[in-house]
Amino acid sequence: MIFRRTDSTNLYTVMDLGSNSFHLLAARIDSGQVMIIDRVREPVRLASGLDPQGNFTPLILQKAYQALERISQYTRDTPNHCVRIVGTNALRVAENADRFILRASQILGHPVEIISGLEEARLTYLGVAHDISPQETARLVIDIGGSSTEVIIGINDKPIFLDSFHMGSATYTGKYFADGKITAKRIKKAVLAARLELEPKESTLRAHGWSGVIGSSGTIKAIRKCAQQLGLDHLQITVQTLDSLLDYCSEKGNSEALEFREINRERQEVFIGGLCILSALFKALHIQSMTVSEHALREGILHDLIGRRYRDDIRNQTVNDFMQRFQINRQQANLVESTARHLFNQCRDSMQLQDEEWQYLGWAARLHEIGLSIAHTGYHKHGYYIITHADMLGFSQVEQSLLAFLVRAQRKKPPFGLLDHLPQTLRHAAELLAITLRLAVILNRAHSRQQAPQIAMHYMNHSVNLNFGNGRLNEHPLTQADLQQEAEHLAAWGYSLTFA
């Protein structure tokens, strides 16, 4: 079906900027059901365009930008809350990824998010879970991409184990079969390399156990198609299937000689690398057979995006899990969050902030004391480190960086340099959110059980004014002293603070 933006206002568009291909999925909610209305695939092969220094070459960047220009008709006029665009491993490792992300965001009219390997695994599992029947026993899901492989164990739609390995069809083909020659010796070397990558997690994975194995994405679907063409198992991928395919490839001796009419040339060029990785997974995890799902990462992104809109946001659960894990004082967190919300609501329009930007301030308020789990001295710095380096499911790299910045900037001298870690378009909002959080923390510094007084806050042209009213500030000399010191801190940041 042709995607027509006028068909409905309830449209969603998601994109997966993968290491092999760029995929776009367009969908609509119809009577509570997700209806896929269009799919677009652009075989860019980003991972193959990295030079020895880890930079995307000018040629691959040009190819990627041209692909994005063609796709941009689907994204430009779609509201922000109905679009999500994510980048995976090739963009995680490229030295000049920032350059690509900036240009790609401009072309598409929406920000490109780089997600972690674990977040990629979570979203992949979510996509697969919506394609298969529920069951109360654990299932193993494997997804081989262009430069990473995700392995997940879950029950129904809940993952219980997630991991991402630095090996993919494009990278392994480039490393072990760069000239196109395929020999038994090279296959053995590639399979062994994959086994070594898996070795540290093999026993942990096997200890979980599972009752079924499901494969997803282009590489595994291509392996199934090629097996069917050769007259092998039509329903599942088995150990015998993989061994026969490896023998076939070795006999042909070259990727150009492979006669797989069921897959396109771009997929055939990286087929052998993915086949070796899957063979290693079967051996390492003692897998006997695998079924194949038609859903994968992009379907997971879609369901996650829809869930965010309908108040089922995994990021809320992640923040709550962190509060429990790091034994954060929930009463204090709630007080700071409530005060921050009160201040934000008064100044949102004058600060030119959007409603959705509140959520980052709210999460930062809940986690502002997370660093106390390490030490009181410098706890804002400890909190920054924890949030920067932790695996936070649901959060993109930029979102996590923004959250870490807010926690770091809650007290003491503002960390000017950390703003450089954020996209230019976010820096002004990050400053204003940080100022709001700093004031909420000061107003609740006493850790009282009572909510801070409902202070009037006004903002205009880098000037912040707090009005306590009726001389109430004189009753709180410590707060008065804190605000005086805060005025000095904010002056160094280019803002003035007055209060009475």
Protein backbone atom coordinates (compact mmCIF):
# COMPACT_ATOMS: atom_id res chain seq x y z
CA MET A 1 0.00 0.00 0.00
CA ILE A 2 1.19 3.53 -0.78
CA PHE A 3 1.72 5.65 2.34
CA ARG A 4 -0.54 8.73 2.23
CA ARG A 5 -0.13 11.14 5.09
CA THR A 6 -3.74 12.34 4.63
CA ASP A 7 -5.18 8.89 5.37
CA SER A 8 -5.15 9.56 9.12
CA THR A 9 -3.66 11.81 11.74
CA ASN A 10 -2.76 8.78 13.81
CA LEU A 11 0.31 7.82 11.78
CA TYR A 12 3.69 6.61 13.00
CA THR A 13 7.00 6.44 11.19
CA VAL A 14 10.08 4.69 12.53
CA MET A 15 13.51 4.18 11.02
CA ASP A 16 16.38 1.82 11.76
CA LEU A 17 19.66 3.18 10.37
CA GLY A 18 21.41 -0.16 10.47
CA SER A 19 24.94 -1.20 9.60
CA ASN A 20 23.72 -3.00 6.47
CA SER A 21 20.55 -1.19 5.45
CA PHE A 22 18.30 1.71 6.34
CA HIS A 23 14.75 0.53 7.05
CA LEU A 24 11.62 2.64 7.35
CA LEU A 25 8.31 1.41 8.67
CA ALA A 26 5.07 3.41 8.45
CA ALA A 27 2.02 2.38 10.45
CA ARG A 28 -1.38 3.54 11.59
CA ILE A 29 -3.51 2.71 14.63
CA ASP A 30 -6.84 1.38 13.40
CA SER A 31 -9.44 0.29 15.97
CA GLY A 32 -6.69 -0.23 18.50
CA GLN A 33 -4.62 -2.39 16.16
CA VAL A 34 -1.26 -1.51 14.61
CA MET A 35 -1.61 -1.58 10.81
CA ILE A 36 1.62 -1.57 8.76
CA ILE A 37 1.00 0.58 5.69
CA ASP A 38 4.44 0.84 4.10
CA ARG A 39 8.01 -0.44 4.30
CA VAL A 40 11.10 1.03 2.65
CA ARG A 41 14.59 -0.47 2.54
CA GLU A 42 17.76 1.27 1.37
CA PRO A 43 20.86 -1.02 1.18
CA VAL A 44 23.51 1.51 2.26
CA ARG A 45 26.01 -0.80 4.06
CA LEU A 46 27.40 1.80 6.46
CA ALA A 47 29.65 -0.72 8.23
CA SER A 48 31.50 -1.41 4.98
CA GLY A 49 32.28 2.30 4.61
CA LEU A 50 34.59 2.67 7.63
CA ASP A 51 38.21 3.50 6.82
CA PRO A 52 41.18 2.18 8.89
CA GLN A 53 40.85 5.18 11.23
CA GLY A 54 37.22 4.32 11.96
CA ASN A 55 35.70 7.18 9.94
CA PHE A 56 32.95 6.91 7.36
CA THR A 57 34.42 7.54 3.94
CA PRO A 58 33.09 10.44 1.84
CA LEU A 59 31.69 7.92 -0.64
CA ILE A 60 29.60 6.05 1.95
CA LEU A 61 28.40 9.34 3.47
CA GLN A 62 27.23 10.52 0.06
CA LYS A 63 25.42 7.22 -0.52
CA ALA A 64 23.79 7.43 2.92
CA TYR A 65 22.65 11.04 2.47
CA GLN A 66 21.13 10.23 -0.93
CA ALA A 67 19.20 7.34 0.62
CA LEU A 68 17.95 9.61 3.41
CA GLU A 69 16.83 12.24 0.90
CA ARG A 70 14.66 9.63 -0.80
CA ILE A 71 13.17 8.52 2.51
CA SER A 72 12.66 12.03 3.93
CA GLN A 73 9.26 12.41 2.23
CA TYR A 74 7.92 10.06 4.92
CA THR A 75 9.28 12.00 7.90
CA ARG A 76 9.39 15.73 7.24
CA ASP A 77 5.72 16.57 7.84
CA THR A 78 5.12 14.01 10.59
CA PRO A 79 4.81 15.31 14.20
CA ASN A 80 7.79 14.69 16.48
CA HIS A 81 5.85 12.44 18.84
CA CYS A 82 4.98 10.11 15.94
CA VAL A 83 8.53 9.64 14.62
CA ARG A 84 11.53 7.80 16.01
CA ILE A 85 14.80 7.29 14.15
CA VAL A 86 17.56 5.17 15.69
CA GLY A 87 21.11 4.31 14.69
CA THR A 88 22.86 1.11 15.68
CA ASN A 89 26.38 -0.29 15.91
CA ALA A 90 28.03 1.32 12.88
CA LEU A 91 27.02 4.72 14.27
CA ARG A 92 28.05 3.69 17.78
CA VAL A 93 31.63 3.00 16.69
CA ALA A 94 32.32 5.50 13.88
CA GLU A 95 34.69 8.32 14.83
CA ASN A 96 32.84 10.85 12.69
CA ALA A 97 29.33 9.66 13.61
CA ASP A 98 28.46 13.12 14.96
CA ARG A 99 28.90 14.61 11.49
CA PHE A 100 26.56 12.02 9.99
CA ILE A 101 23.96 12.40 12.75
CA LEU A 102 23.82 16.18 12.33
CA ARG A 103 23.33 15.98 8.58
CA ALA A 104 20.91 13.04 8.76
CA SER A 105 18.76 14.89 11.31
CA GLN A 106 18.63 17.91 9.02
CA ILE A 107 17.59 15.81 6.01
CA LEU A 108 14.91 13.86 7.87
CA GLY A 109 13.61 16.78 9.91
CA HIS A 110 13.84 14.78 13.15
CA PRO A 111 16.67 13.84 15.53
CA VAL A 112 18.60 10.64 14.98
CA GLU A 113 19.13 8.72 18.24
CA ILE A 114 22.07 6.40 18.75
CA ILE A 115 21.01 3.49 20.95
CA SER A 116 23.18 1.14 22.96
CA GLY A 117 23.63 -2.52 22.13
CA LEU A 118 21.39 -3.54 25.04
CA GLU A 119 18.68 -1.11 23.96
CA GLU A 120 18.92 -2.55 20.44
CA ALA A 121 18.51 -6.01 21.95
CA ARG A 122 15.48 -4.91 24.00
CA LEU A 123 13.75 -3.32 21.03
CA THR A 124 14.48 -6.33 18.82
CA TYR A 125 12.94 -8.65 21.39
CA LEU A 126 9.90 -6.36 21.67
CA GLY A 127 9.43 -6.57 17.90
CA VAL A 128 9.72 -10.36 17.84
CA ALA A 129 7.42 -10.74 20.85
CA HIS A 130 4.62 -9.02 18.92
CA ASP A 131 5.01 -11.56 16.10
CA ILE A 132 4.73 -14.77 18.08
CA SER A 133 2.21 -16.39 20.41
CA PRO A 134 2.60 -15.73 24.15
CA GLN A 135 3.99 -18.51 26.30
CA GLU A 136 5.01 -18.71 29.95
CA THR A 137 8.39 -20.36 29.29
CA ALA A 138 11.59 -18.63 28.24
CA ARG A 139 12.56 -18.16 24.60
CA LEU A 140 15.90 -17.33 23.03
CA VAL A 141 15.97 -14.64 20.32
CA ILE A 142 19.00 -14.07 18.07
CA ASP A 143 19.42 -11.14 15.69
CA ILE A 144 22.52 -10.84 13.47
CA GLY A 145 23.00 -7.35 12.07
CA GLY A 146 25.68 -5.81 9.92
CA SER A 147 28.15 -5.17 12.74
CA SER A 148 26.56 -6.47 15.94
CA THR A 149 24.65 -9.53 17.11
CA GLU A 150 21.95 -9.32 19.77
CA VAL A 151 21.07 -12.27 21.99
CA ILE A 152 18.01 -12.09 24.24
CA ILE A 153 16.13 -14.46 26.54
CA GLY A 154 12.61 -13.48 27.50
CA ILE A 155 9.20 -14.63 28.64
CA ASN A 156 6.23 -13.24 26.69
CA ASP A 157 7.12 -9.58 26.01
CA LYS A 158 9.56 -9.22 28.95
CA PRO A 159 13.30 -9.75 28.34
CA ILE A 160 15.14 -11.38 31.26
CA PHE A 161 18.61 -11.40 29.67
CA LEU A 162 20.04 -9.00 27.08
CA ASP A 163 23.43 -8.84 25.40
CA SER A 164 25.02 -7.41 22.29
CA PHE A 165 28.18 -8.81 20.70
CA HIS A 166 30.59 -6.93 18.44
CA MET A 167 30.25 -9.17 15.41
CA GLY A 168 28.06 -8.86 12.35
CA SER A 169 27.62 -10.12 8.81
CA ALA A 170 29.28 -7.11 7.15
CA THR A 171 32.19 -6.81 9.57
CA TYR A 172 32.98 -10.55 9.58
CA THR A 173 32.72 -10.78 5.82
CA GLY A 174 35.06 -7.81 5.50
CA LYS A 175 37.51 -9.22 8.02
CA TYR A 176 37.70 -12.87 6.96
CA PHE A 177 36.48 -12.85 3.33
CA ALA A 178 37.47 -9.38 2.13
CA ASP A 179 38.57 -10.51 -1.34
CA GLY A 180 35.46 -12.65 -1.81
CA LYS A 181 37.33 -15.96 -1.53
CA ILE A 182 35.64 -18.60 0.64
CA THR A 183 37.66 -21.57 1.90
CA ALA A 184 37.14 -24.13 4.66
CA LYS A 185 40.12 -22.64 6.49
CA ARG A 186 38.68 -19.12 6.43
CA ILE A 187 35.28 -20.39 7.55
CA LYS A 188 36.88 -22.21 10.47
CA LYS A 189 38.76 -19.05 11.45
CA ALA A 190 35.61 -16.89 11.34
CA VAL A 191 33.55 -19.39 13.33
CA LEU A 192 36.32 -19.65 15.94
CA ALA A 193 36.51 -15.85 16.24
CA ALA A 194 32.75 -15.74 16.88
CA ARG A 195 33.07 -18.52 19.47
CA LEU A 196 35.75 -16.51 21.28
CA GLU A 197 33.47 -13.45 21.27
CA LEU A 198 30.65 -15.52 22.79
CA GLU A 199 32.76 -17.48 25.27
CA PRO A 200 32.49 -15.11 28.29
CA LYS A 201 28.67 -15.31 28.20
CA GLU A 202 28.12 -18.91 27.07
CA SER A 203 27.62 -20.46 30.50
CA THR A 204 25.39 -17.60 31.67
CA LEU A 205 23.18 -17.93 28.62
CA ARG A 206 22.89 -21.72 28.88
CA ALA A 207 22.12 -21.48 32.61
CA HIS A 208 18.98 -19.47 31.88
CA GLY A 209 17.57 -22.18 29.63
CA TRP A 210 14.82 -21.77 27.02
CA SER A 211 12.16 -23.80 25.27
CA GLY A 212 12.46 -22.34 21.77
CA VAL A 213 14.87 -20.37 19.59
CA ILE A 214 13.80 -17.59 17.22
CA GLY A 215 15.93 -15.73 14.68
CA SER A 216 15.18 -12.31 13.25
CA SER A 217 16.37 -9.70 10.72
CA GLY A 218 17.82 -9.87 7.23
CA THR A 219 20.79 -12.17 7.75
CA ILE A 220 18.82 -14.99 9.36
CA LYS A 221 15.90 -14.61 6.95
CA ALA A 222 18.41 -14.80 4.08
CA ILE A 223 19.90 -18.00 5.52
CA ARG A 224 16.43 -19.57 5.63
CA LYS A 225 15.68 -18.55 2.04
CA CYS A 226 18.97 -19.96 0.77
CA ALA A 227 18.39 -23.20 2.67
CA GLN A 228 14.97 -23.53 1.04
CA GLN A 229 16.49 -22.95 -2.39
CA LEU A 230 18.95 -25.79 -1.81
CA GLY A 231 16.13 -28.10 -0.77
CA LEU A 232 17.02 -28.11 2.92
CA ASP A 233 14.54 -27.71 5.81
CA HIS A 234 11.73 -25.38 4.74
CA LEU A 235 10.39 -24.50 8.19
CA GLN A 236 13.40 -24.25 10.47
CA ILE A 237 17.12 -23.62 10.45
CA THR A 238 18.98 -26.61 11.92
CA VAL A 239 22.56 -27.57 12.63
CA GLN A 240 22.50 -29.67 9.47
CA THR A 241 21.16 -26.67 7.49
CA LEU A 242 24.10 -24.51 8.53
CA ASP A 243 26.69 -27.21 7.90
CA SER A 244 25.28 -27.84 4.42
CA LEU A 245 25.27 -24.12 3.58
CA LEU A 246 28.86 -23.72 4.77
CA ASP A 247 29.92 -26.71 2.65
CA TYR A 248 28.10 -25.22 -0.35
CA CYS A 249 29.83 -21.84 0.07
CA SER A 250 33.22 -23.52 0.46
CA GLU A 251 32.68 -25.56 -2.70
CA LYS A 252 31.75 -22.45 -4.68
CA GLY A 253 34.92 -20.79 -3.40
CA ASN A 254 33.88 -17.20 -3.97
CA SER A 255 30.99 -14.96 -2.97
CA GLU A 256 30.54 -13.99 -6.63
CA ALA A 257 29.94 -17.64 -7.50
CA LEU A 258 27.12 -18.15 -5.00
CA GLU A 259 23.88 -18.82 -6.83
CA PHE A 260 21.31 -17.66 -4.30
CA ARG A 261 18.55 -16.22 -6.46
CA GLU A 262 16.28 -15.71 -3.43
CA ILE A 263 18.41 -12.89 -1.97
CA ASN A 264 19.69 -9.68 -3.52
CA ARG A 265 23.29 -8.98 -4.47
CA GLU A 266 23.96 -6.71 -1.48
CA ARG A 267 22.84 -9.41 0.96
CA GLN A 268 24.76 -12.10 -0.90
CA GLU A 269 27.98 -10.12 -0.59
CA VAL A 270 27.86 -10.31 3.23
CA PHE A 271 26.09 -13.67 3.50
CA ILE A 272 29.10 -15.76 4.48
CA GLY A 273 30.00 -13.60 7.49
CA GLY A 274 26.51 -13.90 8.96
CA LEU A 275 26.40 -17.64 8.24
CA CYS A 276 29.63 -18.18 10.19
CA ILE A 277 28.31 -16.21 13.16
CA LEU A 278 25.07 -18.19 13.27
CA SER A 279 26.99 -21.46 13.06
CA ALA A 280 29.10 -20.34 16.02
CA LEU A 281 25.97 -19.45 18.02
CA PHE A 282 24.45 -22.87 17.35
CA LYS A 283 27.64 -24.57 18.54
CA ALA A 284 28.22 -22.33 21.56
CA LEU A 285 24.64 -22.52 22.86
CA HIS A 286 23.93 -26.11 21.81
CA ILE A 287 21.05 -25.01 19.57
CA GLN A 288 19.48 -27.72 17.45
CA SER A 289 16.88 -25.74 15.50
CA MET A 290 15.56 -22.21 15.03
CA THR A 291 12.34 -20.71 13.70
CA VAL A 292 12.39 -17.31 11.98
CA SER A 293 10.34 -14.23 12.85
CA GLU A 294 9.31 -11.66 10.27
CA HIS A 295 9.56 -8.91 12.91
CA ALA A 296 12.72 -7.35 14.33
CA LEU A 297 14.20 -4.05 15.50
CA ARG A 298 12.01 -1.64 13.52
CA GLU A 299 8.80 -3.30 14.70
CA GLY A 300 10.13 -3.05 18.24
CA ILE A 301 10.84 0.67 17.77
CA LEU A 302 7.28 1.13 16.51
CA HIS A 303 5.65 -0.60 19.47
CA ASP A 304 7.93 1.24 21.89
CA LEU A 305 7.04 4.59 20.32
CA ILE A 306 3.32 3.85 20.50
CA GLY A 307 3.76 2.72 24.10
CA ARG A 308 5.39 6.04 24.99
CA ARG A 309 2.43 7.94 23.63
CA TYR A 310 -0.03 5.82 25.58
CA ARG A 311 1.82 6.08 28.92
CA ASP A 312 3.61 2.76 28.72
CA ASP A 313 7.15 4.17 28.63
CA ILE A 314 9.97 1.78 29.55
CA ARG A 315 12.05 4.78 30.59
CA ASN A 316 9.79 5.36 33.60
CA GLN A 317 10.33 1.76 34.67
CA THR A 318 14.10 2.13 34.21
CA VAL A 319 14.19 5.23 36.43
CA ASN A 320 12.09 3.47 39.08
CA ASP A 321 14.39 0.44 38.94
CA PHE A 322 17.41 2.72 39.47
CA MET A 323 15.71 4.37 42.45
CA GLN A 324 15.27 0.97 44.03
CA ARG A 325 18.69 -0.38 43.09
CA PHE A 326 20.55 2.66 44.45
CA GLN A 327 18.24 3.06 47.47
CA ILE A 328 17.25 6.62 46.63
CA ASN A 329 15.17 8.48 49.22
CA ARG A 330 11.83 8.47 47.42
CA GLN A 331 10.26 11.05 49.70
CA GLN A 332 13.00 13.56 48.99
CA ALA A 333 12.97 12.74 45.28
CA ASN A 334 9.21 13.31 45.16
CA LEU A 335 9.52 16.67 46.93
CA VAL A 336 12.21 17.88 44.52
CA GLU A 337 10.22 16.61 41.53
CA SER A 338 7.05 18.36 42.73
CA THR A 339 8.86 21.66 43.26
CA ALA A 340 10.61 21.37 39.89
CA ARG A 341 7.25 20.75 38.22
CA HIS A 342 5.76 23.83 39.91
CA LEU A 343 8.63 26.03 38.73
CA PHE A 344 8.66 24.52 35.25
CA ASN A 345 4.93 25.09 34.72
CA GLN A 346 5.30 28.78 35.54
CA CYS A 347 8.22 29.43 33.19
CA ARG A 348 7.76 26.87 30.41
CA ASP A 349 6.47 29.42 27.90
CA SER A 350 8.92 32.22 28.75
CA MET A 351 11.79 29.71 28.65
CA GLN A 352 10.43 28.37 25.33
CA LEU A 353 10.46 24.81 26.63
CA GLN A 354 8.18 22.04 25.37
CA ASP A 355 5.93 19.84 27.48
CA GLU A 356 7.93 16.72 26.58
CA GLU A 357 11.10 18.32 27.97
CA TRP A 358 9.54 18.14 31.42
CA GLN A 359 10.07 14.38 31.51
CA TYR A 360 13.86 14.78 31.58
CA LEU A 361 13.62 17.25 34.43
CA GLY A 362 11.27 14.89 36.27
CA TRP A 363 13.61 11.92 35.81
CA ALA A 364 16.60 14.00 36.91
CA ALA A 365 14.71 15.06 40.04
CA ARG A 366 13.98 11.44 40.88
CA LEU A 367 17.62 10.47 40.39
CA HIS A 368 19.37 13.59 41.67
CA GLU A 369 20.67 11.83 44.81
CA ILE A 370 21.75 8.62 43.06
CA GLY A 371 25.42 9.46 43.73
CA LEU A 372 24.86 9.19 47.49
CA SER A 373 25.12 5.43 47.00
CA ILE A 374 28.86 6.03 46.54
CA ALA A 375 29.61 8.99 48.85
CA HIS A 376 28.09 12.23 50.08
CA THR A 377 31.08 14.31 49.06
CA GLY A 378 30.72 15.15 45.39
CA TYR A 379 27.59 13.01 45.06
CA HIS A 380 26.45 15.03 42.04
CA LYS A 381 29.67 13.98 40.28
CA HIS A 382 29.18 10.34 41.28
CA GLY A 383 25.62 10.55 39.97
CA TYR A 384 26.87 11.88 36.65
CA TYR A 385 29.29 8.96 36.34
CA ILE A 386 26.64 6.35 37.18
CA ILE A 387 24.09 7.68 34.72
CA THR A 388 26.68 8.21 31.97
CA HIS A 389 28.03 4.67 32.12
CA ALA A 390 25.01 2.60 33.21
CA ASP A 391 22.86 0.58 30.83
CA MET A 392 19.55 2.48 30.92
CA LEU A 393 16.93 0.65 28.89
CA GLY A 394 14.74 2.90 26.78
CA PHE A 395 17.18 5.81 26.72
CA SER A 396 19.19 6.85 23.68
CA GLN A 397 22.78 8.05 24.10
CA VAL A 398 21.73 11.70 23.83
CA GLU A 399 18.86 11.26 26.30
CA GLN A 400 21.20 9.58 28.76
CA SER A 401 23.79 12.34 28.30
CA LEU A 402 21.12 14.99 28.98
CA LEU A 403 19.95 13.20 32.12
CA ALA A 404 23.54 12.81 33.34
CA PHE A 405 24.20 16.50 32.69
CA LEU A 406 21.18 17.57 34.73
CA VAL A 407 22.21 15.40 37.69
CA ARG A 408 25.77 16.75 37.50
CA ALA A 409 24.59 20.36 37.20
CA GLN A 410 22.22 20.24 40.20
CA ARG A 411 24.68 21.94 42.60
CA LYS A 412 28.00 23.76 42.98
CA LYS A 413 29.60 25.42 39.94
CA PRO A 414 27.75 24.81 36.67
CA PRO A 415 29.68 22.30 34.49
CA PHE A 416 30.09 24.40 31.36
CA GLY A 417 32.22 21.86 29.50
CA LEU A 418 29.64 19.08 29.72
CA LEU A 419 27.27 21.02 27.49
CA ASP A 420 29.66 20.23 24.64
CA HIS A 421 28.61 16.58 24.95
CA LEU A 422 25.08 17.53 23.92
CA PRO A 423 23.81 18.48 20.46
CA GLN A 424 23.82 22.23 19.83
CA THR A 425 20.04 22.25 19.57
CA LEU A 426 19.66 20.92 23.13
CA ARG A 427 22.13 23.11 24.99
CA HIS A 428 19.96 26.12 25.75
CA ALA A 429 17.09 23.93 26.99
CA ALA A 430 19.56 21.89 29.05
CA GLU A 431 20.77 25.05 30.80
CA LEU A 432 17.23 26.14 31.69
CA LEU A 433 16.23 22.68 32.88
CA ALA A 434 19.39 22.58 35.01
CA ILE A 435 18.61 25.97 36.56
CA THR A 436 15.10 24.79 37.43
CA LEU A 437 16.44 21.61 39.03
CA ARG A 438 19.09 23.56 40.99
CA LEU A 439 16.43 25.82 42.47
CA ALA A 440 14.16 22.86 43.31
CA VAL A 441 17.05 21.16 45.12
CA ILE A 442 17.89 24.33 47.09
CA LEU A 443 14.27 24.85 48.12
CA ASN A 444 14.14 21.29 49.49
CA ARG A 445 17.62 21.17 50.94
CA ALA A 446 16.35 20.69 54.50
CA HIS A 447 14.93 17.26 53.55
CA SER A 448 11.74 18.24 55.34
CA ARG A 449 8.67 16.06 55.08
CA GLN A 450 6.75 19.13 54.00
CA GLN A 451 6.55 20.40 50.45
CA ALA A 452 8.50 23.60 49.78
CA PRO A 453 6.32 26.74 49.67
CA GLN A 454 4.65 27.48 46.33
CA ILE A 455 7.03 30.19 45.20
CA ALA A 456 6.30 32.38 42.18
CA MET A 457 9.04 32.13 39.56
CA HIS A 458 9.45 34.45 36.57
CA TYR A 459 11.94 34.20 33.70
CA MET A 460 12.84 36.64 30.96
CA ASN A 461 16.01 37.18 28.91
CA HIS A 462 18.42 35.23 31.14
CA SER A 463 16.90 36.71 34.31
CA VAL A 464 15.25 34.56 36.99
CA ASN A 465 13.15 36.03 39.79
CA LEU A 466 11.76 34.15 42.80
CA ASN A 467 8.99 35.75 44.84
CA PHE A 468 8.35 34.12 48.22
CA GLY A 469 5.76 36.73 49.24
CA ASN A 470 4.90 38.22 52.63
CA GLY A 471 8.52 38.25 53.75
CA ARG A 472 8.56 34.46 54.17
CA LEU A 473 12.14 34.27 52.93
CA ASN A 474 13.30 36.07 56.10
CA GLU A 475 12.06 33.07 58.07
CA HIS A 476 14.55 30.83 56.23
CA PRO A 477 18.04 32.35 56.54
CA LEU A 478 19.80 29.19 55.27
CA THR A 479 17.69 29.19 52.09
CA GLN A 480 18.44 32.90 51.71
CA ALA A 481 22.18 32.19 51.98
CA ASP A 482 21.92 29.31 49.49
CA LEU A 483 20.13 31.52 46.98
CA GLN A 484 22.73 34.25 47.37
CA GLN A 485 25.44 31.75 46.55
CA GLU A 486 23.35 30.39 43.69
CA ALA A 487 23.08 33.90 42.24
CA GLU A 488 26.88 33.96 42.04
CA HIS A 489 26.99 30.56 40.37
CA LEU A 490 24.38 31.51 37.78
CA ALA A 491 26.08 34.84 37.09
CA ALA A 492 29.11 32.87 35.91
CA TRP A 493 26.73 31.05 33.55
CA GLY A 494 25.36 34.33 32.19
CA TYR A 495 22.09 34.37 34.16
CA SER A 496 20.90 36.71 36.90
CA LEU A 497 18.93 35.49 39.92
CA THR A 498 16.91 37.78 42.17
CA PHE A 499 14.67 36.80 45.06
CA ALA A 500 12.57 38.40 47.76
